[in-house]
mmCIF file of all heavy atoms, coordinates in Angstrom:
data_MODEL
# 
_entry.id   MODEL 
# 
loop_
_atom_site.group_PDB 
_atom_site.id 
_atom_site.type_symbol 
_atom_site.label_atom_id 
_atom_site.label_alt_id 
_atom_site.label_comp_id 
_atom_site.label_asym_id 
_atom_site.label_entity_id 
_atom_site.label_seq_id 
_atom_site.pdbx_PDB_ins_code 
_atom_site.Cartn_x 
_atom_site.Cartn_y 
_atom_site.Cartn_z 
_atom_site.occupancy 
_atom_site.B_iso_or_equiv 
_atom_site.pdbx_formal_charge 
_atom_site.auth_seq_id 
_atom_site.auth_comp_id 
_atom_site.auth_asym_id 
_atom_site.auth_atom_id 
_atom_site.pdbx_PDB_model_num 
ATOM 1   N N   . ALA A 1 1  ? 52.568 -41.270 13.145 1.00 0.00 ? 1  ALA A N   1 
ATOM 2   C CA  . ALA A 1 1  ? 53.982 -41.572 13.329 1.00 0.00 ? 1  ALA A CA  1 
ATOM 3   C C   . ALA A 1 1  ? 54.172 -42.828 14.161 1.00 0.00 ? 1  ALA A C   1 
ATOM 4   O O   . ALA A 1 1  ? 55.051 -43.646 13.888 1.00 0.00 ? 1  ALA A O   1 
ATOM 5   C CB  . ALA A 1 1  ? 54.678 -40.378 14.002 1.00 0.00 ? 1  ALA A CB  1 
ATOM 6   N N   . SER A 1 2  ? 53.327 -43.005 15.193 1.00 0.00 ? 2  SER A N   1 
ATOM 7   C CA  . SER A 1 2  ? 53.498 -44.182 16.044 1.00 0.00 ? 2  SER A CA  1 
ATOM 8   C C   . SER A 1 2  ? 53.187 -45.460 15.300 1.00 0.00 ? 2  SER A C   1 
ATOM 9   O O   . SER A 1 2  ? 53.737 -46.511 15.609 1.00 0.00 ? 2  SER A O   1 
ATOM 10  C CB  . SER A 1 2  ? 52.595 -44.056 17.285 1.00 0.00 ? 2  SER A CB  1 
ATOM 11  O OG  . SER A 1 2  ? 51.238 -44.166 16.915 1.00 0.00 ? 2  SER A OG  1 
ATOM 12  N N   . ARG A 1 3  ? 52.312 -45.373 14.300 1.00 0.00 ? 3  ARG A N   1 
ATOM 13  C CA  . ARG A 1 3  ? 51.938 -46.581 13.578 1.00 0.00 ? 3  ARG A CA  1 
ATOM 14  C C   . ARG A 1 3  ? 52.990 -47.008 12.567 1.00 0.00 ? 3  ARG A C   1 
ATOM 15  O O   . ARG A 1 3  ? 52.872 -48.040 11.947 1.00 0.00 ? 3  ARG A O   1 
ATOM 16  C CB  . ARG A 1 3  ? 50.598 -46.352 12.880 1.00 0.00 ? 3  ARG A CB  1 
ATOM 17  C CG  . ARG A 1 3  ? 49.441 -46.240 13.876 1.00 0.00 ? 3  ARG A CG  1 
ATOM 18  C CD  . ARG A 1 3  ? 48.115 -46.036 13.181 1.00 0.00 ? 3  ARG A CD  1 
ATOM 19  N NE  . ARG A 1 3  ? 47.033 -45.942 14.150 1.00 0.00 ? 3  ARG A NE  1 
ATOM 20  C CZ  . ARG A 1 3  ? 45.761 -45.749 13.823 1.00 0.00 ? 3  ARG A CZ  1 
ATOM 21  N NH1 . ARG A 1 3  ? 45.415 -45.627 12.552 1.00 0.00 ? 3  ARG A NH1 1 
ATOM 22  N NH2 . ARG A 1 3  ? 44.835 -45.661 14.755 1.00 0.00 ? 3  ARG A NH2 1 
ATOM 23  N N   . ARG A 1 4  ? 54.012 -46.202 12.374 1.00 0.00 ? 4  ARG A N   1 
ATOM 24  C CA  . ARG A 1 4  ? 55.073 -46.597 11.462 1.00 0.00 ? 4  ARG A CA  1 
ATOM 25  C C   . ARG A 1 4  ? 55.894 -47.753 12.018 1.00 0.00 ? 4  ARG A C   1 
ATOM 26  O O   . ARG A 1 4  ? 56.475 -48.507 11.270 1.00 0.00 ? 4  ARG A O   1 
ATOM 27  C CB  . ARG A 1 4  ? 55.977 -45.388 11.198 1.00 0.00 ? 4  ARG A CB  1 
ATOM 28  C CG  . ARG A 1 4  ? 55.303 -44.282 10.389 1.00 0.00 ? 4  ARG A CG  1 
ATOM 29  C CD  . ARG A 1 4  ? 56.228 -43.100 10.236 1.00 0.00 ? 4  ARG A CD  1 
ATOM 30  N NE  . ARG A 1 4  ? 55.609 -42.041 9.435  1.00 0.00 ? 4  ARG A NE  1 
ATOM 31  C CZ  . ARG A 1 4  ? 56.155 -40.859 9.242  1.00 0.00 ? 4  ARG A CZ  1 
ATOM 32  N NH1 . ARG A 1 4  ? 57.332 -40.573 9.802  1.00 0.00 ? 4  ARG A NH1 1 
ATOM 33  N NH2 . ARG A 1 4  ? 55.535 -39.944 8.512  1.00 0.00 ? 4  ARG A NH2 1 
ATOM 34  N N   . TRP A 1 5  ? 55.968 -47.800 13.346 1.00 0.00 ? 5  TRP A N   1 
ATOM 35  C CA  . TRP A 1 5  ? 56.801 -48.863 13.934 1.00 0.00 ? 5  TRP A CA  1 
ATOM 36  C C   . TRP A 1 5  ? 56.009 -49.835 14.785 1.00 0.00 ? 5  TRP A C   1 
ATOM 37  O O   . TRP A 1 5  ? 56.555 -50.753 15.349 1.00 0.00 ? 5  TRP A O   1 
ATOM 38  C CB  . TRP A 1 5  ? 57.927 -48.245 14.744 1.00 0.00 ? 5  TRP A CB  1 
ATOM 39  C CG  . TRP A 1 5  ? 57.477 -47.299 15.816 1.00 0.00 ? 5  TRP A CG  1 
ATOM 40  C CD1 . TRP A 1 5  ? 57.172 -45.977 15.689 1.00 0.00 ? 5  TRP A CD1 1 
ATOM 41  C CD2 . TRP A 1 5  ? 57.300 -47.606 17.201 1.00 0.00 ? 5  TRP A CD2 1 
ATOM 42  N NE1 . TRP A 1 5  ? 56.797 -45.431 16.888 1.00 0.00 ? 5  TRP A NE1 1 
ATOM 43  C CE2 . TRP A 1 5  ? 56.888 -46.414 17.835 1.00 0.00 ? 5  TRP A CE2 1 
ATOM 44  C CE3 . TRP A 1 5  ? 57.451 -48.768 17.966 1.00 0.00 ? 5  TRP A CE3 1 
ATOM 45  C CZ2 . TRP A 1 5  ? 56.619 -46.351 19.191 1.00 0.00 ? 5  TRP A CZ2 1 
ATOM 46  C CZ3 . TRP A 1 5  ? 57.193 -48.708 19.306 1.00 0.00 ? 5  TRP A CZ3 1 
ATOM 47  C CH2 . TRP A 1 5  ? 56.771 -47.510 19.918 1.00 0.00 ? 5  TRP A CH2 1 
ATOM 48  N N   . LEU A 1 6  ? 54.684 -49.622 14.901 1.00 0.00 ? 6  LEU A N   1 
ATOM 49  C CA  . LEU A 1 6  ? 53.833 -50.561 15.614 1.00 0.00 ? 6  LEU A CA  1 
ATOM 50  C C   . LEU A 1 6  ? 52.576 -50.839 14.797 1.00 0.00 ? 6  LEU A C   1 
ATOM 51  O O   . LEU A 1 6  ? 52.007 -49.906 14.220 1.00 0.00 ? 6  LEU A O   1 
ATOM 52  C CB  . LEU A 1 6  ? 53.405 -49.984 16.969 1.00 0.00 ? 6  LEU A CB  1 
ATOM 53  C CG  . LEU A 1 6  ? 54.405 -50.058 18.131 1.00 0.00 ? 6  LEU A CG  1 
ATOM 54  C CD1 . LEU A 1 6  ? 53.816 -49.332 19.333 1.00 0.00 ? 6  LEU A CD1 1 
ATOM 55  C CD2 . LEU A 1 6  ? 54.747 -51.483 18.485 1.00 0.00 ? 6  LEU A CD2 1 
ATOM 56  N N   . PRO A 1 7  ? 52.128 -52.081 14.726 1.00 0.00 ? 7  PRO A N   1 
ATOM 57  C CA  . PRO A 1 7  ? 50.832 -52.333 14.110 1.00 0.00 ? 7  PRO A CA  1 
ATOM 58  C C   . PRO A 1 7  ? 49.755 -51.530 14.809 1.00 0.00 ? 7  PRO A C   1 
ATOM 59  O O   . PRO A 1 7  ? 49.865 -51.202 15.997 1.00 0.00 ? 7  PRO A O   1 
ATOM 60  C CB  . PRO A 1 7  ? 50.632 -53.847 14.315 1.00 0.00 ? 7  PRO A CB  1 
ATOM 61  C CG  . PRO A 1 7  ? 52.015 -54.384 14.481 1.00 0.00 ? 7  PRO A CG  1 
ATOM 62  C CD  . PRO A 1 7  ? 52.798 -53.310 15.160 1.00 0.00 ? 7  PRO A CD  1 
ATOM 63  N N   . ALA A 1 8  ? 48.690 -51.202 14.115 1.00 0.00 ? 8  ALA A N   1 
ATOM 64  C CA  . ALA A 1 8  ? 47.691 -50.259 14.610 1.00 0.00 ? 8  ALA A CA  1 
ATOM 65  C C   . ALA A 1 8  ? 47.131 -50.661 15.964 1.00 0.00 ? 8  ALA A C   1 
ATOM 66  O O   . ALA A 1 8  ? 46.922 -49.815 16.830 1.00 0.00 ? 8  ALA A O   1 
ATOM 67  C CB  . ALA A 1 8  ? 46.562 -50.134 13.582 1.00 0.00 ? 8  ALA A CB  1 
ATOM 68  N N   . ARG A 1 9  ? 46.860 -51.924 16.194 1.00 0.00 ? 9  ARG A N   1 
ATOM 69  C CA  . ARG A 1 9  ? 46.185 -52.351 17.406 1.00 0.00 ? 9  ARG A CA  1 
ATOM 70  C C   . ARG A 1 9  ? 47.135 -52.871 18.482 1.00 0.00 ? 9  ARG A C   1 
ATOM 71  O O   . ARG A 1 9  ? 46.693 -53.263 19.551 1.00 0.00 ? 9  ARG A O   1 
ATOM 72  C CB  . ARG A 1 9  ? 45.169 -53.447 17.071 1.00 0.00 ? 9  ARG A CB  1 
ATOM 73  C CG  . ARG A 1 9  ? 44.002 -52.953 16.229 1.00 0.00 ? 9  ARG A CG  1 
ATOM 74  C CD  . ARG A 1 9  ? 43.202 -51.902 16.976 1.00 0.00 ? 9  ARG A CD  1 
ATOM 75  N NE  . ARG A 1 9  ? 42.096 -51.379 16.197 1.00 0.00 ? 9  ARG A NE  1 
ATOM 76  C CZ  . ARG A 1 9  ? 41.294 -50.409 16.606 1.00 0.00 ? 9  ARG A CZ  1 
ATOM 77  N NH1 . ARG A 1 9  ? 41.509 -49.841 17.783 1.00 0.00 ? 9  ARG A NH1 1 
ATOM 78  N NH2 . ARG A 1 9  ? 40.309 -49.989 15.837 1.00 0.00 ? 9  ARG A NH2 1 
ATOM 79  N N   . THR A 1 10 ? 48.432 -52.870 18.208 1.00 0.00 ? 10 THR A N   1 
ATOM 80  C CA  . THR A 1 10 ? 49.370 -53.426 19.187 1.00 0.00 ? 10 THR A CA  1 
ATOM 81  C C   . THR A 1 10 ? 49.293 -52.739 20.542 1.00 0.00 ? 10 THR A C   1 
ATOM 82  O O   . THR A 1 10 ? 49.200 -53.413 21.576 1.00 0.00 ? 10 THR A O   1 
ATOM 83  C CB  . THR A 1 10 ? 50.807 -53.361 18.644 1.00 0.00 ? 10 THR A CB  1 
ATOM 84  O OG1 . THR A 1 10 ? 50.896 -54.168 17.471 1.00 0.00 ? 10 THR A OG1 1 
ATOM 85  C CG2 . THR A 1 10 ? 51.801 -53.871 19.685 1.00 0.00 ? 10 THR A CG2 1 
ATOM 86  N N   . PRO A 1 11 ? 49.317 -51.392 20.627 1.00 0.00 ? 11 PRO A N   1 
ATOM 87  C CA  . PRO A 1 11 ? 49.230 -50.764 21.954 1.00 0.00 ? 11 PRO A CA  1 
ATOM 88  C C   . PRO A 1 11 ? 47.938 -51.082 22.686 1.00 0.00 ? 11 PRO A C   1 
ATOM 89  O O   . PRO A 1 11 ? 47.945 -51.252 23.916 1.00 0.00 ? 11 PRO A O   1 
ATOM 90  C CB  . PRO A 1 11 ? 49.338 -49.267 21.633 1.00 0.00 ? 11 PRO A CB  1 
ATOM 91  C CG  . PRO A 1 11 ? 49.976 -49.196 20.298 1.00 0.00 ? 11 PRO A CG  1 
ATOM 92  C CD  . PRO A 1 11 ? 49.496 -50.402 19.560 1.00 0.00 ? 11 PRO A CD  1 
ATOM 93  N N   . ASP A 1 12 ? 46.843 -51.173 21.957 1.00 0.00 ? 12 ASP A N   1 
ATOM 94  C CA  . ASP A 1 12 ? 45.553 -51.417 22.594 1.00 0.00 ? 12 ASP A CA  1 
ATOM 95  C C   . ASP A 1 12 ? 45.464 -52.810 23.193 1.00 0.00 ? 12 ASP A C   1 
ATOM 96  O O   . ASP A 1 12 ? 44.571 -53.082 24.007 1.00 0.00 ? 12 ASP A O   1 
ATOM 97  C CB  . ASP A 1 12 ? 44.416 -51.213 21.595 1.00 0.00 ? 12 ASP A CB  1 
ATOM 98  C CG  . ASP A 1 12 ? 44.321 -49.767 21.133 1.00 0.00 ? 12 ASP A CG  1 
ATOM 99  O OD1 . ASP A 1 12 ? 44.814 -48.890 21.862 1.00 0.00 ? 12 ASP A OD1 1 
ATOM 100 O OD2 . ASP A 1 12 ? 43.769 -49.520 20.046 1.00 0.00 ? 12 ASP A OD2 1 
ATOM 101 N N   . VAL A 1 13 ? 46.355 -53.688 22.801 1.00 0.00 ? 13 VAL A N   1 
ATOM 102 C CA  . VAL A 1 13 ? 46.453 -55.008 23.420 1.00 0.00 ? 13 VAL A CA  1 
ATOM 103 C C   . VAL A 1 13 ? 47.565 -55.035 24.454 1.00 0.00 ? 13 VAL A C   1 
ATOM 104 O O   . VAL A 1 13 ? 47.387 -55.523 25.573 1.00 0.00 ? 13 VAL A O   1 
ATOM 105 C CB  . VAL A 1 13 ? 46.695 -56.098 22.350 1.00 0.00 ? 13 VAL A CB  1 
ATOM 106 C CG1 . VAL A 1 13 ? 46.928 -57.451 23.007 1.00 0.00 ? 13 VAL A CG1 1 
ATOM 107 C CG2 . VAL A 1 13 ? 45.523 -56.153 21.376 1.00 0.00 ? 13 VAL A CG2 1 
ATOM 108 N N   . ALA A 1 14 ? 48.712 -54.485 24.082 1.00 0.00 ? 14 ALA A N   1 
ATOM 109 C CA  . ALA A 1 14 ? 49.885 -54.561 24.962 1.00 0.00 ? 14 ALA A CA  1 
ATOM 110 C C   . ALA A 1 14 ? 49.701 -53.773 26.250 1.00 0.00 ? 14 ALA A C   1 
ATOM 111 O O   . ALA A 1 14 ? 50.130 -54.218 27.331 1.00 0.00 ? 14 ALA A O   1 
ATOM 112 C CB  . ALA A 1 14 ? 51.129 -54.057 24.216 1.00 0.00 ? 14 ALA A CB  1 
ATOM 113 N N   . VAL A 1 15 ? 49.080 -52.611 26.180 1.00 0.00 ? 15 VAL A N   1 
ATOM 114 C CA  . VAL A 1 15 ? 48.927 -51.780 27.382 1.00 0.00 ? 15 VAL A CA  1 
ATOM 115 C C   . VAL A 1 15 ? 48.049 -52.467 28.426 1.00 0.00 ? 15 VAL A C   1 
ATOM 116 O O   . VAL A 1 15 ? 48.445 -52.588 29.589 1.00 0.00 ? 15 VAL A O   1 
ATOM 117 C CB  . VAL A 1 15 ? 48.392 -50.386 27.004 1.00 0.00 ? 15 VAL A CB  1 
ATOM 118 C CG1 . VAL A 1 15 ? 48.018 -49.602 28.262 1.00 0.00 ? 15 VAL A CG1 1 
ATOM 119 C CG2 . VAL A 1 15 ? 49.444 -49.616 26.214 1.00 0.00 ? 15 VAL A CG2 1 
ATOM 120 N N   . PRO A 1 16 ? 46.843 -52.957 28.086 1.00 0.00 ? 16 PRO A N   1 
ATOM 121 C CA  . PRO A 1 16 ? 46.063 -53.676 29.094 1.00 0.00 ? 16 PRO A CA  1 
ATOM 122 C C   . PRO A 1 16 ? 46.756 -54.926 29.624 1.00 0.00 ? 16 PRO A C   1 
ATOM 123 O O   . PRO A 1 16 ? 46.630 -55.249 30.814 1.00 0.00 ? 16 PRO A O   1 
ATOM 124 C CB  . PRO A 1 16 ? 44.765 -54.032 28.349 1.00 0.00 ? 16 PRO A CB  1 
ATOM 125 C CG  . PRO A 1 16 ? 44.645 -52.988 27.287 1.00 0.00 ? 16 PRO A CG  1 
ATOM 126 C CD  . PRO A 1 16 ? 46.049 -52.730 26.851 1.00 0.00 ? 16 PRO A CD  1 
ATOM 127 N N   . VAL A 1 17 ? 47.476 -55.629 28.755 1.00 0.00 ? 17 VAL A N   1 
ATOM 128 C CA  . VAL A 1 17 ? 48.235 -56.804 29.230 1.00 0.00 ? 17 VAL A CA  1 
ATOM 129 C C   . VAL A 1 17 ? 49.296 -56.374 30.235 1.00 0.00 ? 17 VAL A C   1 
ATOM 130 O O   . VAL A 1 17 ? 49.531 -57.036 31.247 1.00 0.00 ? 17 VAL A O   1 
ATOM 131 C CB  . VAL A 1 17 ? 48.867 -57.553 28.042 1.00 0.00 ? 17 VAL A CB  1 
ATOM 132 C CG1 . VAL A 1 17 ? 49.860 -58.604 28.531 1.00 0.00 ? 17 VAL A CG1 1 
ATOM 133 C CG2 . VAL A 1 17 ? 47.783 -58.220 27.202 1.00 0.00 ? 17 VAL A CG2 1 
ATOM 134 N N   . GLY A 1 18 ? 49.941 -55.239 29.966 1.00 0.00 ? 18 GLY A N   1 
ATOM 135 C CA  . GLY A 1 18 ? 50.909 -54.716 30.915 1.00 0.00 ? 18 GLY A CA  1 
ATOM 136 C C   . GLY A 1 18 ? 50.279 -54.365 32.247 1.00 0.00 ? 18 GLY A C   1 
ATOM 137 O O   . GLY A 1 18 ? 50.833 -54.646 33.322 1.00 0.00 ? 18 GLY A O   1 
ATOM 138 N N   . TYR A 1 19 ? 49.100 -53.729 32.210 1.00 0.00 ? 19 TYR A N   1 
ATOM 139 C CA  . TYR A 1 19 ? 48.383 -53.430 33.451 1.00 0.00 ? 19 TYR A CA  1 
ATOM 140 C C   . TYR A 1 19 ? 48.069 -54.713 34.218 1.00 0.00 ? 19 TYR A C   1 
ATOM 141 O O   . TYR A 1 19 ? 48.212 -54.774 35.447 1.00 0.00 ? 19 TYR A O   1 
ATOM 142 C CB  . TYR A 1 19 ? 47.062 -52.714 33.143 1.00 0.00 ? 19 TYR A CB  1 
ATOM 143 C CG  . TYR A 1 19 ? 47.178 -51.336 32.566 1.00 0.00 ? 19 TYR A CG  1 
ATOM 144 C CD1 . TYR A 1 19 ? 46.156 -50.823 31.755 1.00 0.00 ? 19 TYR A CD1 1 
ATOM 145 C CD2 . TYR A 1 19 ? 48.268 -50.511 32.821 1.00 0.00 ? 19 TYR A CD2 1 
ATOM 146 C CE1 . TYR A 1 19 ? 46.217 -49.544 31.223 1.00 0.00 ? 19 TYR A CE1 1 
ATOM 147 C CE2 . TYR A 1 19 ? 48.346 -49.230 32.283 1.00 0.00 ? 19 TYR A CE2 1 
ATOM 148 C CZ  . TYR A 1 19 ? 47.319 -48.753 31.489 1.00 0.00 ? 19 TYR A CZ  1 
ATOM 149 O OH  . TYR A 1 19 ? 47.384 -47.493 30.955 1.00 0.00 ? 19 TYR A OH  1 
ATOM 150 N N   . LEU A 1 20 ? 47.610 -55.725 33.491 1.00 0.00 ? 20 LEU A N   1 
ATOM 151 C CA  . LEU A 1 20 ? 47.257 -56.992 34.136 1.00 0.00 ? 20 LEU A CA  1 
ATOM 152 C C   . LEU A 1 20 ? 48.484 -57.630 34.783 1.00 0.00 ? 20 LEU A C   1 
ATOM 153 O O   . LEU A 1 20 ? 48.418 -58.122 35.924 1.00 0.00 ? 20 LEU A O   1 
ATOM 154 C CB  . LEU A 1 20 ? 46.639 -57.937 33.104 1.00 0.00 ? 20 LEU A CB  1 
ATOM 155 C CG  . LEU A 1 20 ? 46.158 -59.292 33.625 1.00 0.00 ? 20 LEU A CG  1 
ATOM 156 C CD1 . LEU A 1 20 ? 45.045 -59.115 34.634 1.00 0.00 ? 20 LEU A CD1 1 
ATOM 157 C CD2 . LEU A 1 20 ? 45.680 -60.168 32.461 1.00 0.00 ? 20 LEU A CD2 1 
ATOM 158 N N   . ALA A 1 21 ? 49.609 -57.619 34.073 1.00 0.00 ? 21 ALA A N   1 
ATOM 159 C CA  . ALA A 1 21 ? 50.833 -58.197 34.629 1.00 0.00 ? 21 ALA A CA  1 
ATOM 160 C C   . ALA A 1 21 ? 51.267 -57.448 35.881 1.00 0.00 ? 21 ALA A C   1 
ATOM 161 O O   . ALA A 1 21 ? 51.693 -58.062 36.878 1.00 0.00 ? 21 ALA A O   1 
ATOM 162 C CB  . ALA A 1 21 ? 51.944 -58.163 33.580 1.00 0.00 ? 21 ALA A CB  1 
ATOM 163 N N   . LEU A 1 22 ? 51.149 -56.132 35.864 1.00 0.00 ? 22 LEU A N   1 
ATOM 164 C CA  . LEU A 1 22 ? 51.517 -55.345 37.044 1.00 0.00 ? 22 LEU A CA  1 
ATOM 165 C C   . LEU A 1 22 ? 50.608 -55.678 38.215 1.00 0.00 ? 22 LEU A C   1 
ATOM 166 O O   . LEU A 1 22 ? 51.083 -55.847 39.355 1.00 0.00 ? 22 LEU A O   1 
ATOM 167 C CB  . LEU A 1 22 ? 51.423 -53.856 36.707 1.00 0.00 ? 22 LEU A CB  1 
ATOM 168 C CG  . LEU A 1 22 ? 51.699 -52.874 37.862 1.00 0.00 ? 22 LEU A CG  1 
ATOM 169 C CD1 . LEU A 1 22 ? 53.075 -53.101 38.463 1.00 0.00 ? 22 LEU A CD1 1 
ATOM 170 C CD2 . LEU A 1 22 ? 51.538 -51.431 37.382 1.00 0.00 ? 22 LEU A CD2 1 
ATOM 171 N N   . ALA A 1 23 ? 49.316 -55.802 37.980 1.00 0.00 ? 23 ALA A N   1 
ATOM 172 C CA  . ALA A 1 23 ? 48.384 -56.127 39.059 1.00 0.00 ? 23 ALA A CA  1 
ATOM 173 C C   . ALA A 1 23 ? 48.664 -57.513 39.640 1.00 0.00 ? 23 ALA A C   1 
ATOM 174 O O   . ALA A 1 23 ? 48.588 -57.712 40.863 1.00 0.00 ? 23 ALA A O   1 
ATOM 175 C CB  . ALA A 1 23 ? 46.943 -56.038 38.545 1.00 0.00 ? 23 ALA A CB  1 
ATOM 176 N N   . VAL A 1 24 ? 48.976 -58.464 38.782 1.00 0.00 ? 24 VAL A N   1 
ATOM 177 C CA  . VAL A 1 24 ? 49.315 -59.813 39.274 1.00 0.00 ? 24 VAL A CA  1 
ATOM 178 C C   . VAL A 1 24 ? 50.571 -59.761 40.130 1.00 0.00 ? 24 VAL A C   1 
ATOM 179 O O   . VAL A 1 24 ? 50.642 -60.388 41.197 1.00 0.00 ? 24 VAL A O   1 
ATOM 180 C CB  . VAL A 1 24 ? 49.492 -60.783 38.086 1.00 0.00 ? 24 VAL A CB  1 
ATOM 181 C CG1 . VAL A 1 24 ? 50.071 -62.110 38.562 1.00 0.00 ? 24 VAL A CG1 1 
ATOM 182 C CG2 . VAL A 1 24 ? 48.159 -61.006 37.380 1.00 0.00 ? 24 VAL A CG2 1 
ATOM 183 N N   . TRP A 1 25 ? 51.571 -59.008 39.686 1.00 0.00 ? 25 TRP A N   1 
ATOM 184 C CA  . TRP A 1 25 ? 52.814 -58.905 40.458 1.00 0.00 ? 25 TRP A CA  1 
ATOM 185 C C   . TRP A 1 25 ? 52.561 -58.234 41.810 1.00 0.00 ? 25 TRP A C   1 
ATOM 186 O O   . TRP A 1 25 ? 53.115 -58.656 42.836 1.00 0.00 ? 25 TRP A O   1 
ATOM 187 C CB  . TRP A 1 25 ? 53.847 -58.111 39.668 1.00 0.00 ? 25 TRP A CB  1 
ATOM 188 C CG  . TRP A 1 25 ? 55.126 -57.903 40.420 1.00 0.00 ? 25 TRP A CG  1 
ATOM 189 C CD1 . TRP A 1 25 ? 56.081 -58.844 40.709 1.00 0.00 ? 25 TRP A CD1 1 
ATOM 190 C CD2 . TRP A 1 25 ? 55.586 -56.669 40.998 1.00 0.00 ? 25 TRP A CD2 1 
ATOM 191 N NE1 . TRP A 1 25 ? 57.102 -58.272 41.425 1.00 0.00 ? 25 TRP A NE1 1 
ATOM 192 C CE2 . TRP A 1 25 ? 56.837 -56.945 41.616 1.00 0.00 ? 25 TRP A CE2 1 
ATOM 193 C CE3 . TRP A 1 25 ? 55.091 -55.383 41.038 1.00 0.00 ? 25 TRP A CE3 1 
ATOM 194 C CZ2 . TRP A 1 25 ? 57.565 -55.953 42.276 1.00 0.00 ? 25 TRP A CZ2 1 
ATOM 195 C CZ3 . TRP A 1 25 ? 55.812 -54.401 41.694 1.00 0.00 ? 25 TRP A CZ3 1 
ATOM 196 C CH2 . TRP A 1 25 ? 57.039 -54.690 42.303 1.00 0.00 ? 25 TRP A CH2 1 
ATOM 197 N N   . LEU A 1 26 ? 51.724 -57.230 41.844 1.00 0.00 ? 26 LEU A N   1 
ATOM 198 C CA  . LEU A 1 26 ? 51.453 -56.525 43.100 1.00 0.00 ? 26 LEU A CA  1 
ATOM 199 C C   . LEU A 1 26 ? 50.746 -57.416 44.116 1.00 0.00 ? 26 LEU A C   1 
ATOM 200 O O   . LEU A 1 26 ? 50.844 -57.181 45.323 1.00 0.00 ? 26 LEU A O   1 
ATOM 201 C CB  . LEU A 1 26 ? 50.596 -55.284 42.830 1.00 0.00 ? 26 LEU A CB  1 
ATOM 202 C CG  . LEU A 1 26 ? 51.273 -54.145 42.074 1.00 0.00 ? 26 LEU A CG  1 
ATOM 203 C CD1 . LEU A 1 26 ? 50.273 -53.050 41.741 1.00 0.00 ? 26 LEU A CD1 1 
ATOM 204 C CD2 . LEU A 1 26 ? 52.423 -53.565 42.887 1.00 0.00 ? 26 LEU A CD2 1 
ATOM 205 N N   . THR A 1 27 ? 50.054 -58.438 43.657 1.00 0.00 ? 27 THR A N   1 
ATOM 206 C CA  . THR A 1 27 ? 49.324 -59.326 44.570 1.00 0.00 ? 27 THR A CA  1 
ATOM 207 C C   . THR A 1 27 ? 50.021 -60.666 44.780 1.00 0.00 ? 27 THR A C   1 
ATOM 208 O O   . THR A 1 27 ? 49.466 -61.544 45.448 1.00 0.00 ? 27 THR A O   1 
ATOM 209 C CB  . THR A 1 27 ? 47.912 -59.593 44.025 1.00 0.00 ? 27 THR A CB  1 
ATOM 210 O OG1 . THR A 1 27 ? 47.998 -60.162 42.709 1.00 0.00 ? 27 THR A OG1 1 
ATOM 211 C CG2 . THR A 1 27 ? 47.103 -58.307 43.940 1.00 0.00 ? 27 THR A CG2 1 
ATOM 212 N N   . HIS A 1 28 ? 51.245 -60.829 44.255 1.00 0.00 ? 28 HIS A N   1 
ATOM 213 C CA  . HIS A 1 28 ? 51.848 -62.170 44.216 1.00 0.00 ? 28 HIS A CA  1 
ATOM 214 C C   . HIS A 1 28 ? 52.162 -62.732 45.598 1.00 0.00 ? 28 HIS A C   1 
ATOM 215 O O   . HIS A 1 28 ? 52.305 -63.948 45.752 1.00 0.00 ? 28 HIS A O   1 
ATOM 216 C CB  . HIS A 1 28 ? 53.123 -62.147 43.366 1.00 0.00 ? 28 HIS A CB  1 
ATOM 217 C CG  . HIS A 1 28 ? 54.333 -61.596 44.075 1.00 0.00 ? 28 HIS A CG  1 
ATOM 218 N ND1 . HIS A 1 28 ? 54.641 -60.252 44.077 1.00 0.00 ? 28 HIS A ND1 1 
ATOM 219 C CD2 . HIS A 1 28 ? 55.304 -62.210 44.803 1.00 0.00 ? 28 HIS A CD2 1 
ATOM 220 C CE1 . HIS A 1 28 ? 55.751 -60.060 44.773 1.00 0.00 ? 28 HIS A CE1 1 
ATOM 221 N NE2 . HIS A 1 28 ? 56.169 -61.229 45.223 1.00 0.00 ? 28 HIS A NE2 1 
# 
């Protein structure tokens, strides 16, 4: 069901990028 509205690998890229952005913000 989740792949109906997201390409198969989108979360596996977006989630780590989100973690990275959060870590950068926490150390800014």
